[in-house]
Amino acid sequence: VLTDRLMPDMDGHSLAQSIKEIAPRKPIVLVTGDEDPDGKPDKNVDAVLVKPVSLEEFRRTLAAVIVRPRVQ
């Protein structure tokens, strides 16, 4: 799942939490325009991409979360 951090009605962290409750092994990549303000990693997010994102960085990140073994 590729989602933005800031969205109307629900933020990316809340969406990630909801998805992980249903499908804990589903990889989630959060895209943001700035660093996370609280600086704490989100256990429900497998990777964070800070905009602007190069195509190379995007591909590398997707490959990493797809092949990375995930805890059930």
N, C-alpha and C. Protein backbone atom coordinates (compact mmCIF):
# COMPACT_ATOMS: atom_id res chain seq x y z
N VAL A 1 0.86 -1.17 0.00
CA VAL A 1 0.00 0.00 0.00
C VAL A 1 0.90 1.23 0.00
N LEU A 2 0.60 2.16 -0.89
CA LEU A 2 1.31 3.42 -0.96
C LEU A 2 0.31 4.50 -0.59
N THR A 3 0.60 5.26 0.47
CA THR A 3 -0.33 6.29 0.93
C THR A 3 0.40 7.55 1.33
N ASP A 4 -0.29 8.65 1.25
CA ASP A 4 0.26 9.93 1.69
C ASP A 4 0.04 10.05 3.20
N ARG A 5 0.87 10.83 3.86
CA ARG A 5 0.71 11.05 5.30
C ARG A 5 -0.46 11.97 5.59
N LEU A 6 -0.61 13.03 4.82
CA LEU A 6 -1.69 13.99 5.06
C LEU A 6 -2.78 13.83 4.01
N MET A 7 -3.98 13.52 4.49
CA MET A 7 -5.14 13.35 3.61
C MET A 7 -6.35 13.91 4.34
N PRO A 8 -7.40 14.24 3.61
CA PRO A 8 -8.63 14.66 4.28
C PRO A 8 -9.26 13.47 5.00
N ASP A 9 -9.88 13.72 6.10
CA ASP A 9 -10.64 12.72 6.87
C ASP A 9 -9.80 11.71 7.64
N MET A 10 -8.66 11.26 7.11
CA MET A 10 -7.84 10.27 7.81
C MET A 10 -6.39 10.48 7.39
N ASP A 11 -5.46 10.41 8.34
CA ASP A 11 -4.06 10.55 7.96
C ASP A 11 -3.46 9.17 7.62
N GLY A 12 -2.31 9.18 7.02
CA GLY A 12 -1.67 7.95 6.60
C GLY A 12 -1.35 7.01 7.74
N HIS A 13 -1.03 7.54 8.92
CA HIS A 13 -0.73 6.69 10.07
C HIS A 13 -1.98 5.94 10.52
N SER A 14 -3.11 6.61 10.54
CA SER A 14 -4.38 5.95 10.92
C SER A 14 -4.76 4.89 9.90
N LEU A 15 -4.57 5.21 8.63
CA LEU A 15 -4.86 4.24 7.58
C LEU A 15 -3.96 3.02 7.72
N ALA A 16 -2.68 3.25 7.97
CA ALA A 16 -1.73 2.14 8.14
C ALA A 16 -2.16 1.24 9.31
N GLN A 17 -2.56 1.84 10.40
CA GLN A 17 -3.00 1.07 11.56
C GLN A 17 -4.22 0.21 11.21
N SER A 18 -5.17 0.80 10.52
CA SER A 18 -6.38 0.07 10.14
C SER A 18 -6.05 -1.10 9.20
N ILE A 19 -5.15 -0.86 8.25
CA ILE A 19 -4.77 -1.92 7.32
C ILE A 19 -4.05 -3.04 8.04
N LYS A 20 -3.12 -2.71 8.93
CA LYS A 20 -2.35 -3.73 9.64
C LYS A 20 -3.23 -4.58 10.56
N GLU A 21 -4.34 -4.01 11.05
CA GLU A 21 -5.27 -4.79 11.87
C GLU A 21 -5.94 -5.88 11.03
N ILE A 22 -6.18 -5.57 9.77
CA ILE A 22 -6.84 -6.51 8.86
C ILE A 22 -5.83 -7.44 8.18
N ALA A 23 -4.72 -6.86 7.76
CA ALA A 23 -3.70 -7.61 7.00
C ALA A 23 -2.31 -7.24 7.52
N PRO A 24 -1.89 -7.86 8.63
CA PRO A 24 -0.63 -7.47 9.28
C PRO A 24 0.63 -7.60 8.42
N ARG A 25 0.59 -8.45 7.40
CA ARG A 25 1.78 -8.64 6.57
C ARG A 25 1.81 -7.73 5.35
N LYS A 26 0.76 -6.96 5.16
CA LYS A 26 0.68 -6.06 4.00
C LYS A 26 1.72 -4.94 4.15
N PRO A 27 2.64 -4.79 3.19
CA PRO A 27 3.63 -3.71 3.29
C PRO A 27 2.99 -2.34 3.03
N ILE A 28 3.38 -1.36 3.82
CA ILE A 28 2.84 -0.01 3.70
C ILE A 28 3.99 0.99 3.58
N VAL A 29 3.92 1.81 2.53
CA VAL A 29 4.89 2.88 2.31
C VAL A 29 4.15 4.20 2.48
N LEU A 30 4.67 5.04 3.36
CA LEU A 30 4.07 6.34 3.63
C LEU A 30 4.86 7.41 2.89
N VAL A 31 4.16 8.25 2.15
CA VAL A 31 4.80 9.35 1.42
C VAL A 31 4.44 10.64 2.13
N THR A 32 5.45 11.49 2.33
CA THR A 32 5.22 12.73 3.05
C THR A 32 6.03 13.87 2.44
N GLY A 33 5.54 15.07 2.61
CA GLY A 33 6.24 16.24 2.12
C GLY A 33 7.28 16.76 3.10
N ASP A 34 7.24 16.24 4.30
CA ASP A 34 8.22 16.65 5.31
C ASP A 34 8.48 15.51 6.28
N GLU A 35 9.51 15.66 7.07
CA GLU A 35 9.81 14.64 8.07
C GLU A 35 8.66 14.56 9.06
N ASP A 36 8.47 13.40 9.64
CA ASP A 36 7.41 13.22 10.63
C ASP A 36 7.68 14.14 11.81
N PRO A 37 6.71 14.99 12.18
CA PRO A 37 6.96 15.99 13.21
C PRO A 37 7.33 15.43 14.57
N ASP A 38 6.79 14.28 14.95
CA ASP A 38 7.13 13.75 16.27
C ASP A 38 8.42 12.95 16.25
N GLY A 39 8.91 12.60 15.07
CA GLY A 39 10.20 11.92 14.94
C GLY A 39 10.19 10.46 15.36
N LYS A 40 9.04 9.94 15.77
CA LYS A 40 8.96 8.55 16.21
C LYS A 40 8.58 7.66 15.03
N PRO A 41 9.26 6.52 14.89
CA PRO A 41 8.87 5.61 13.81
C PRO A 41 7.49 5.03 14.06
N ASP A 42 6.76 4.80 13.01
CA ASP A 42 5.43 4.21 13.11
C ASP A 42 5.57 2.71 12.87
N LYS A 43 5.22 1.90 13.85
CA LYS A 43 5.39 0.45 13.73
C LYS A 43 4.53 -0.15 12.63
N ASN A 44 3.51 0.57 12.18
CA ASN A 44 2.63 0.08 11.13
C ASN A 44 3.09 0.43 9.73
N VAL A 45 4.14 1.25 9.63
CA VAL A 45 4.64 1.70 8.33
C VAL A 45 5.97 1.01 8.07
N ASP A 46 6.10 0.41 6.88
CA ASP A 46 7.32 -0.32 6.55
C ASP A 46 8.41 0.57 5.97
N ALA A 47 8.02 1.69 5.37
CA ALA A 47 9.00 2.63 4.81
C ALA A 47 8.35 4.00 4.66
N VAL A 48 9.20 5.03 4.68
CA VAL A 48 8.74 6.40 4.49
C VAL A 48 9.54 7.01 3.36
N LEU A 49 8.83 7.63 2.43
CA LEU A 49 9.47 8.37 1.34
C LEU A 49 9.15 9.85 1.52
N VAL A 50 10.19 10.67 1.49
CA VAL A 50 10.01 12.12 1.63
C VAL A 50 10.03 12.73 0.23
N LYS A 51 8.97 13.47 -0.09
CA LYS A 51 8.85 14.13 -1.40
C LYS A 51 9.83 15.29 -1.49
N PRO A 52 10.35 15.58 -2.66
CA PRO A 52 10.17 14.86 -3.91
C PRO A 52 10.95 13.55 -3.90
N VAL A 53 10.40 12.54 -4.53
CA VAL A 53 10.99 11.20 -4.57
C VAL A 53 11.47 10.91 -5.98
N SER A 54 12.70 10.49 -6.09
CA SER A 54 13.21 10.11 -7.42
C SER A 54 12.65 8.73 -7.77
N LEU A 55 12.58 8.45 -9.04
CA LEU A 55 12.10 7.15 -9.50
C LEU A 55 12.99 6.04 -8.95
N GLU A 56 14.28 6.28 -8.92
CA GLU A 56 15.22 5.27 -8.40
C GLU A 56 14.93 4.98 -6.92
N GLU A 57 14.74 6.02 -6.12
CA GLU A 57 14.45 5.84 -4.69
C GLU A 57 13.11 5.12 -4.51
N PHE A 58 12.12 5.49 -5.31
CA PHE A 58 10.81 4.85 -5.26
C PHE A 58 10.92 3.36 -5.54
N ARG A 59 11.62 3.01 -6.61
CA ARG A 59 11.80 1.59 -6.97
C ARG A 59 12.56 0.82 -5.90
N ARG A 60 13.63 1.43 -5.39
CA ARG A 60 14.45 0.78 -4.36
C ARG A 60 13.62 0.51 -3.09
N THR A 61 12.81 1.49 -2.70
CA THR A 61 11.99 1.35 -1.50
C THR A 61 10.93 0.26 -1.69
N LEU A 62 10.25 0.28 -2.83
CA LEU A 62 9.24 -0.76 -3.08
C LEU A 62 9.86 -2.15 -3.09
N ALA A 63 11.00 -2.28 -3.73
CA ALA A 63 11.68 -3.58 -3.76
C ALA A 63 12.04 -4.04 -2.35
N ALA A 64 12.49 -3.11 -1.51
CA ALA A 64 12.88 -3.46 -0.15
C ALA A 64 11.69 -3.94 0.68
N VAL A 65 10.56 -3.28 0.59
CA VAL A 65 9.42 -3.69 1.42
C VAL A 65 8.73 -4.93 0.86
N ILE A 66 8.86 -5.17 -0.42
CA ILE A 66 8.22 -6.36 -1.00
C ILE A 66 9.00 -7.62 -0.65
N VAL A 67 10.32 -7.56 -0.66
CA VAL A 67 11.12 -8.76 -0.40
C VAL A 67 11.49 -8.92 1.07
N ARG A 68 11.33 -7.90 1.88
CA ARG A 68 11.71 -7.97 3.29
C ARG A 68 10.77 -8.93 4.02
N PRO A 69 11.32 -9.86 4.80
CA PRO A 69 10.45 -10.72 5.60
C PRO A 69 9.73 -9.89 6.64
N ARG A 70 8.44 -10.11 6.78
CA ARG A 70 7.65 -9.34 7.74
C ARG A 70 7.21 -10.24 8.88
N VAL A 71 7.18 -9.68 10.07
CA VAL A 71 6.75 -10.41 11.26
C VAL A 71 5.24 -10.56 11.21
N GLN A 72 4.78 -11.75 11.53
CA GLN A 72 3.33 -11.98 11.54
C GLN A 72 2.74 -11.59 12.87
